[in-house]
Amino acid sequence: MKIRGGSMDTKGIDTSITYEYSEYPDVKAGRCDNCGHTLFKSSVGKGNFLRECRNCGMKKNI
């Protein structure tokens, strides 16, 4: 199921949850699973590398 919101076309993945890469690897390497964009905000803290999509906000611990 795809959800259209403004100019963003997403797959309806809950962006309030931080997903674990080991449980949910990338569908397409280097792209957001929700919207397909390649731009991410990255941060490191508490031994985790967090990647957040700049377009839709989906987060994954890598």
Foldseek 3Di string as FASTA:
>chain_A
DWDDDPPFIWPPDDLVDAAECVVPPAPDPQADNTGGDNDWDWDDDPRWIWTADPPPGRIYTD
